[in-house]
PDB file of N, CA and C in Angstrom:
ATOM      1  N   MET A   1      88.078 107.586  94.730  1.00  0.00           N
ATOM      2  CA  MET A   1      89.177 107.110  95.582  1.00  0.00           C
ATOM      3  C   MET A   1      88.744 105.808  96.256  1.00  0.00           C
ATOM      4  N   PRO A   2      89.494 104.732  96.047  1.00  0.00           N
ATOM      5  CA  PRO A   2      89.135 103.454  96.672  1.00  0.00           C
ATOM      6  C   PRO A   2      89.270 103.514  98.191  1.00  0.00           C
ATOM      7  N   THR A   3      88.413 102.765  98.850  1.00  0.00           N
ATOM      8  CA  THR A   3      88.503 102.684 100.302  1.00  0.00           C
ATOM      9  C   THR A   3      89.706 101.830 100.681  1.00  0.00           C
ATOM     10  N   LEU A   4      90.090 101.882 101.944  1.00  0.00           N
ATOM     11  CA  LEU A   4      91.209 101.079 102.420  1.00  0.00           C
ATOM     12  C   LEU A   4      90.896  99.591 102.268  1.00  0.00           C
ATOM     13  N   THR A   5      89.672  99.198 102.533  1.00  0.00           N
ATOM     14  CA  THR A   5      89.275  97.792 102.366  1.00  0.00           C
ATOM     15  C   THR A   5      89.436  97.363 100.920  1.00  0.00           C
ATOM     16  N   HIS A   6      88.977  98.194  99.989  1.00  0.00           N
ATOM     17  CA  HIS A   6      89.118  97.902  98.561  1.00  0.00           C
ATOM     18  C   HIS A   6      90.591  97.762  98.196  1.00  0.00           C
ATOM     19  N   ARG A   7      91.406  98.659  98.672  1.00  0.00           N
ATOM     20  CA  ARG A   7      92.840  98.647  98.361  1.00  0.00           C
ATOM     21  C   ARG A   7      93.511  97.387  98.903  1.00  0.00           C
ATOM     22  N   ILE A   8      93.164  96.981 100.110  1.00  0.00           N
ATOM     23  CA  ILE A   8      93.755  95.784 100.716  1.00  0.00           C
ATOM     24  C   ILE A   8      93.339  94.529  99.953  1.00  0.00           C
ATOM     25  N   ILE A   9      92.059  94.398  99.651  1.00  0.00           N
ATOM     26  CA  ILE A   9      91.578  93.215  98.923  1.00  0.00           C
ATOM     27  C   ILE A   9      92.191  93.166  97.531  1.00  0.00           C
ATOM     28  N   PHE A  10      92.217  94.294  96.833  1.00  0.00           N
ATOM     29  CA  PHE A  10      92.832  94.360  95.506  1.00  0.00           C
ATOM     30  C   PHE A  10      94.303  93.950  95.571  1.00  0.00           C
ATOM     31  N   THR A  11      95.020  94.486  96.557  1.00  0.00           N
ATOM     32  CA  THR A  11      96.438  94.172  96.727  1.00  0.00           C
ATOM     33  C   THR A  11      96.644  92.688  96.975  1.00  0.00           C
ATOM     34  N   LEU A  12      95.832  92.095  97.839  1.00  0.00           N
ATOM     35  CA  LEU A  12      95.972  90.671  98.139  1.00  0.00           C
ATOM     36  C   LEU A  12      95.690  89.805  96.911  1.00  0.00           C
ATOM     37  N   LEU A  13      94.647  90.143  96.166  1.00  0.00           N
ATOM     38  CA  LEU A  13      94.314  89.363  94.972  1.00  0.00           C
ATOM     39  C   LEU A  13      95.372  89.496  93.886  1.00  0.00           C
ATOM     40  N   LEU A  14      95.784  90.712  93.594  1.00  0.00           N
ATOM     41  CA  LEU A  14      96.779  90.923  92.553  1.00  0.00           C
ATOM     42  C   LEU A  14      98.104  90.271  92.925  1.00  0.00           C
ATOM     43  N   SER A  15      98.540  90.450  94.164  1.00  0.00           N
ATOM     44  CA  SER A  15      99.808  89.854  94.575  1.00  0.00           C
ATOM     45  C   SER A  15      99.720  88.330  94.602  1.00  0.00           C
ATOM     46  N   PHE A  16      98.539  87.784  94.916  1.00  0.00           N
ATOM     47  CA  PHE A  16      98.343  86.334  94.882  1.00  0.00           C
ATOM     48  C   PHE A  16      98.529  85.808  93.456  1.00  0.00           C
ATOM     49  N   PHE A  17      97.819  86.417  92.502  1.00  0.00           N
ATOM     50  CA  PHE A  17      97.908  85.971  91.117  1.00  0.00           C
ATOM     51  C   PHE A  17      99.338  86.091  90.579  1.00  0.00           C
ATOM     52  N   LEU A  18      99.954  87.224  90.819  1.00  0.00           N
ATOM     53  CA  LEU A  18     101.317  87.422  90.345  1.00  0.00           C
ATOM     54  C   LEU A  18     102.290  86.452  91.001  1.00  0.00           C
ATOM     55  N   SER A  19     102.149  86.238  92.299  1.00  0.00           N
ATOM     56  CA  SER A  19     103.050  85.322  93.003  1.00  0.00           C
ATOM     57  C   SER A  19     102.889  83.894  92.522  1.00  0.00           C
ATOM     58  N   VAL A  20     101.654  83.457  92.319  1.00  0.00           N
ATOM     59  CA  VAL A  20     101.423  82.102  91.811  1.00  0.00           C
ATOM     60  C   VAL A  20     102.115  81.926  90.471  1.00  0.00           C
ATOM     61  N   LEU A  21     101.855  82.833  89.551  1.00  0.00           N
ATOM     62  CA  LEU A  21     102.388  82.681  88.199  1.00  0.00           C
ATOM     63  C   LEU A  21     103.896  82.874  88.135  1.00  0.00           C
ATOM     64  N   MET A  22     104.406  83.872  88.810  1.00  0.00           N
ATOM     65  CA  MET A  22     105.843  84.142  88.736  1.00  0.00           C
ATOM     66  C   MET A  22     106.660  83.052  89.426  1.00  0.00           C
ATOM     67  N   THR A  23     106.234  82.595  90.606  1.00  0.00           N
ATOM     68  CA  THR A  23     106.997  81.552  91.281  1.00  0.00           C
ATOM     69  C   THR A  23     106.902  80.227  90.526  1.00  0.00           C
ATOM     70  N   LEU A  24     105.746  79.964  89.932  1.00  0.00           N
ATOM     71  CA  LEU A  24     105.595  78.755  89.120  1.00  0.00           C
ATOM     72  C   LEU A  24     106.559  78.804  87.933  1.00  0.00           C
ATOM     73  N   TRP A  25     106.597  79.924  87.242  1.00  0.00           N
ATOM     74  CA  TRP A  25     107.448  80.094  86.073  1.00  0.00           C
ATOM     75  C   TRP A  25     108.936  80.019  86.442  1.00  0.00           C
ATOM     76  N   VAL A  26     109.337  80.758  87.473  1.00  0.00           N
ATOM     77  CA  VAL A  26     110.747  80.801  87.848  1.00  0.00           C
ATOM     78  C   VAL A  26     111.200  79.450  88.419  1.00  0.00           C
ATOM     79  N   THR A  27     110.347  78.775  89.163  1.00  0.00           N
ATOM     80  CA  THR A  27     110.692  77.444  89.659  1.00  0.00           C
ATOM     81  C   THR A  27     110.892  76.489  88.487  1.00  0.00           C
ATOM     82  N   TYR A  28     110.011  76.562  87.516  1.00  0.00           N
ATOM     83  CA  TYR A  28     110.134  75.714  86.326  1.00  0.00           C
ATOM     84  C   TYR A  28     111.430  76.019  85.566  1.00  0.00           C
ATOM     85  N   ILE A  29     111.719  77.305  85.375  1.00  0.00           N
ATOM     86  CA  ILE A  29     112.922  77.701  84.632  1.00  0.00           C
ATOM     87  C   ILE A  29     114.189  77.237  85.361  1.00  0.00           C
ATOM     88  N   ASN A  30     114.209  77.417  86.670  1.00  0.00           N
ATOM     89  CA  ASN A  30     115.416  77.101  87.434  1.00  0.00           C
ATOM     90  C   ASN A  30     115.596  75.613  87.706  1.00  0.00           C
ATOM     91  N   LEU A  31     114.503  74.897  87.964  1.00  0.00           N
ATOM     92  CA  LEU A  31     114.621  73.512  88.411  1.00  0.00           C
ATOM     93  C   LEU A  31     114.028  72.496  87.454  1.00  0.00           C
ATOM     94  N   GLY A  32     113.181  72.952  86.530  1.00  0.00           N
ATOM     95  CA  GLY A  32     112.499  72.014  85.651  1.00  0.00           C
ATOM     96  C   GLY A  32     111.435  71.232  86.420  1.00  0.00           C
ATOM     97  N   VAL A  33     110.783  70.326  85.719  1.00  0.00           N
ATOM     98  CA  VAL A  33     109.740  69.512  86.347  1.00  0.00           C
ATOM     99  C   VAL A  33     110.408  68.274  86.949  1.00  0.00           C
ATOM    100  N   SER A  34     110.142  68.056  88.226  1.00  0.00           N
ATOM    101  CA  SER A  34     110.691  66.890  88.913  1.00  0.00           C
ATOM    102  C   SER A  34     109.619  66.335  89.845  1.00  0.00           C
ATOM    103  N   SER A  35     109.977  65.290  90.546  1.00  0.00           N
ATOM    104  CA  SER A  35     109.013  64.676  91.463  1.00  0.00           C
ATOM    105  C   SER A  35     108.678  65.596  92.639  1.00  0.00           C
ATOM    106  N   HIS A  36     109.540  66.556  92.937  1.00  0.00           N
ATOM    107  CA  HIS A  36     109.292  67.485  94.048  1.00  0.00           C
ATOM    108  C   HIS A  36     109.028  68.914  93.560  1.00  0.00           C
ATOM    109  N   PHE A  37     108.612  69.035  92.296  1.00  0.00           N
ATOM    110  CA  PHE A  37     108.350  70.351  91.715  1.00  0.00           C
ATOM    111  C   PHE A  37     107.309  71.130  92.520  1.00  0.00           C
ATOM    112  N   LEU A  38     106.186  70.491  92.850  1.00  0.00           N
ATOM    113  CA  LEU A  38     105.121  71.208  93.575  1.00  0.00           C
ATOM    114  C   LEU A  38     105.582  71.648  94.961  1.00  0.00           C
ATOM    115  N   LEU A  39     106.394  70.841  95.614  1.00  0.00           N
ATOM    116  CA  LEU A  39     106.927  71.229  96.922  1.00  0.00           C
ATOM    117  C   LEU A  39     107.867  72.425  96.780  1.00  0.00           C
ATOM    118  N   ASP A  40     108.750  72.383  95.803  1.00  0.00           N
ATOM    119  CA  ASP A  40     109.663  73.508  95.563  1.00  0.00           C
ATOM    120  C   ASP A  40     108.899  74.777  95.206  1.00  0.00           C
ATOM    121  N   TRP A  41     107.899  74.628  94.333  1.00  0.00           N
ATOM    122  CA  TRP A  41     107.093  75.786  93.946  1.00  0.00           C
ATOM    123  C   TRP A  41     106.327  76.334  95.153  1.00  0.00           C
ATOM    124  N   GLY A  42     105.761  75.439  95.951  1.00  0.00           N
ATOM    125  CA  GLY A  42     105.004  75.872  97.133  1.00  0.00           C
ATOM    126  C   GLY A  42     105.858  76.666  98.106  1.00  0.00           C
ATOM    127  N   LYS A  43     107.074  76.227  98.327  1.00  0.00           N
ATOM    128  CA  LYS A  43     107.983  76.967  99.217  1.00  0.00           C
ATOM    129  C   LYS A  43     108.268  78.359  98.666  1.00  0.00           C
ATOM    130  N   ALA A  44     108.513  78.431  97.356  1.00  0.00           N
ATOM    131  CA  ALA A  44     108.782  79.726  96.727  1.00  0.00           C
ATOM    132  C   ALA A  44     107.563  80.644  96.841  1.00  0.00           C
ATOM    133  N   PHE A  45     106.387  80.083  96.617  1.00  0.00           N
ATOM    134  CA  PHE A  45     105.166  80.882  96.695  1.00  0.00           C
ATOM    135  C   PHE A  45     104.930  81.415  98.101  1.00  0.00           C
ATOM    136  N   ILE A  46     105.118  80.557  99.112  1.00  0.00           N
ATOM    137  CA  ILE A  46     104.890  80.970 100.504  1.00  0.00           C
ATOM    138  C   ILE A  46     105.823  82.114 100.889  1.00  0.00           C
ATOM    139  N   LEU A  47     107.028  82.104 100.362  1.00  0.00           N
ATOM    140  CA  LEU A  47     107.960  83.200 100.644  1.00  0.00           C
ATOM    141  C   LEU A  47     107.649  84.448  99.826  1.00  0.00           C
ATOM    142  N   ALA A  48     107.169  84.250  98.604  1.00  0.00           N
ATOM    143  CA  ALA A  48     106.973  85.385  97.702  1.00  0.00           C
ATOM    144  C   ALA A  48     105.697  86.173  97.963  1.00  0.00           C
ATOM    145  N   TRP A  49     104.606  85.493  98.311  1.00  0.00           N
ATOM    146  CA  TRP A  49     103.334  86.201  98.405  1.00  0.00           C
ATOM    147  C   TRP A  49     103.334  87.321  99.434  1.00  0.00           C
ATOM    148  N   PRO A  50     103.800  87.102 100.663  1.00  0.00           N
ATOM    149  CA  PRO A  50     103.799  88.232 101.609  1.00  0.00           C
ATOM    150  C   PRO A  50     104.639  89.414 101.117  1.00  0.00           C
ATOM    151  N   ALA A  51     105.789  89.115 100.537  1.00  0.00           N
ATOM    152  CA  ALA A  51     106.632  90.200 100.023  1.00  0.00           C
ATOM    153  C   ALA A  51     105.923  90.934  98.893  1.00  0.00           C
ATOM    154  N   ALA A  52     105.308  90.183  97.985  1.00  0.00           N
ATOM    155  CA  ALA A  52     104.592  90.797  96.869  1.00  0.00           C
ATOM    156  C   ALA A  52     103.422  91.646  97.356  1.00  0.00           C
ATOM    157  N   ALA A  53     102.745  91.192  98.401  1.00  0.00           N
ATOM    158  CA  ALA A  53     101.603  91.944  98.936  1.00  0.00           C
ATOM    159  C   ALA A  53     102.054  93.281  99.517  1.00  0.00           C
ATOM    160  N   VAL A  54     103.115  93.266 100.283  1.00  0.00           N
ATOM    161  CA  VAL A  54     103.622  94.508 100.883  1.00  0.00           C
ATOM    162  C   VAL A  54     104.120  95.457  99.794  1.00  0.00           C
ATOM    163  N   ILE A  55     104.899  94.919  98.857  1.00  0.00           N
ATOM    164  CA  ILE A  55     105.414  95.755  97.770  1.00  0.00           C
ATOM    165  C   ILE A  55     104.269  96.338  96.949  1.00  0.00           C
ATOM    166  N   SER A  56     103.259  95.522  96.644  1.00  0.00           N
ATOM    167  CA  SER A  56     102.111  95.996  95.866  1.00  0.00           C
ATOM    168  C   SER A  56     101.331  97.072  96.608  1.00  0.00           C
ATOM    169  N   PHE A  57     101.147  96.879  97.900  1.00  0.00           N
ATOM    170  CA  PHE A  57     100.368  97.843  98.690  1.00  0.00           C
ATOM    171  C   PHE A  57     101.001  99.226  98.634  1.00  0.00           C
ATOM    172  N   PHE A  58     102.320  99.274  98.746  1.00  0.00           N
ATOM    173  CA  PHE A  58     102.991 100.569  98.781  1.00  0.00           C
ATOM    174  C   PHE A  58     103.331 101.122  97.395  1.00  0.00           C
ATOM    175  N   SER A  59     103.493 100.249  96.413  1.00  0.00           N
ATOM    176  CA  SER A  59     103.862 100.745  95.090  1.00  0.00           C
ATOM    177  C   SER A  59     102.663 101.046  94.185  1.00  0.00           C
ATOM    178  N   ALA A  60     101.502 100.475  94.471  1.00  0.00           N
ATOM    179  CA  ALA A  60     100.331 100.694  93.618  1.00  0.00           C
ATOM    180  C   ALA A  60      99.953 102.176  93.501  1.00  0.00           C
ATOM    181  N   PRO A  61      99.908 102.930  94.594  1.00  0.00           N
ATOM    182  CA  PRO A  61      99.566 104.355  94.438  1.00  0.00           C
ATOM    183  C   PRO A  61     100.584 105.114  93.579  1.00  0.00           C
ATOM    184  N   ILE A  62     101.848 104.751  93.693  1.00  0.00           N
ATOM    185  CA  ILE A  62     102.879 105.395  92.886  1.00  0.00           C
ATOM    186  C   ILE A  62     102.663 105.047  91.407  1.00  0.00           C
ATOM    187  N   ALA A  63     102.400 103.777  91.139  1.00  0.00           N
ATOM    188  CA  ALA A  63     102.154 103.343  89.758  1.00  0.00           C
ATOM    189  C   ALA A  63     100.918 104.025  89.179  1.00  0.00           C
ATOM    190  N   GLN A  64      99.877 104.198  90.002  1.00  0.00           N
ATOM    191  CA  GLN A  64      98.671 104.872  89.532  1.00  0.00           C
ATOM    192  C   GLN A  64      98.956 106.326  89.183  1.00  0.00           C
ATOM    193  N   LYS A  65      99.731 107.006  90.016  1.00  0.00           N
ATOM    194  CA  LYS A  65     100.072 108.402  89.738  1.00  0.00           C
ATOM    195  C   LYS A  65     100.935 108.526  88.485  1.00  0.00           C
ATOM    196  N   LEU A  66     101.909 107.635  88.338  1.00  0.00           N
ATOM    197  CA  LEU A  66     102.753 107.658  87.147  1.00  0.00           C
ATOM    198  C   LEU A  66     101.942 107.378  85.884  1.00  0.00           C
ATOM    199  N   THR A  67     101.005 106.437  85.969  1.00  0.00           N
ATOM    200  CA  THR A  67     100.155 106.123  84.837  1.00  0.00           C
ATOM    201  C   THR A  67      99.323 107.332  84.422  1.00  0.00           C
ATOM    202  N   THR A  68      98.761 108.014  85.408  1.00  0.00           N
ATOM    203  CA  THR A  68      97.966 109.203  85.132  1.00  0.00           C
ATOM    204  C   THR A  68      98.810 110.272  84.437  1.00  0.00           C
ATOM    205  N   LYS A  69     100.038 110.456  84.903  1.00  0.00           N
ATOM    206  CA  LYS A  69     100.922 111.446  84.270  1.00  0.00           C
ATOM    207  C   LYS A  69     101.309 111.028  82.861  1.00  0.00           C
ATOM    208  N   LEU A  70     101.566 109.747  82.654  1.00  0.00           N
ATOM    209  CA  LEU A  70     102.000 109.286  81.330  1.00  0.00           C
ATOM    210  C   LEU A  70     100.907 109.383  80.281  1.00  0.00           C
ATOM    211  N   ILE A  71      99.665 109.163  80.676  1.00  0.00           N
ATOM    212  CA  ILE A  71      98.603 109.175  79.662  1.00  0.00           C
ATOM    213  C   ILE A  71      97.957 110.541  79.489  1.00  0.00           C
ATOM    214  N   SER A  72      98.323 111.497  80.322  1.00  0.00           N
ATOM    215  CA  SER A  72      97.708 112.829  80.163  1.00  0.00           C
ATOM    216  C   SER A  72      98.584 113.751  79.342  1.00  0.00           C
TER     217      SER A  72
END
């Protein structure tokens, strides 16, 4: 069983990686590359990361339990 510290650090790292990639991709799809692309992407990332972190923190244990049930 991971410690709370492990769970928090894992959640922050995973949500960071996912937020970077997803906001970059969705910003590109919606707006394309422009002179203000990095600013638009940065705004999206700043809004997305906290939400992704909270969602990941609470949904990860559920996903782990579902995974265990699916593979057993």
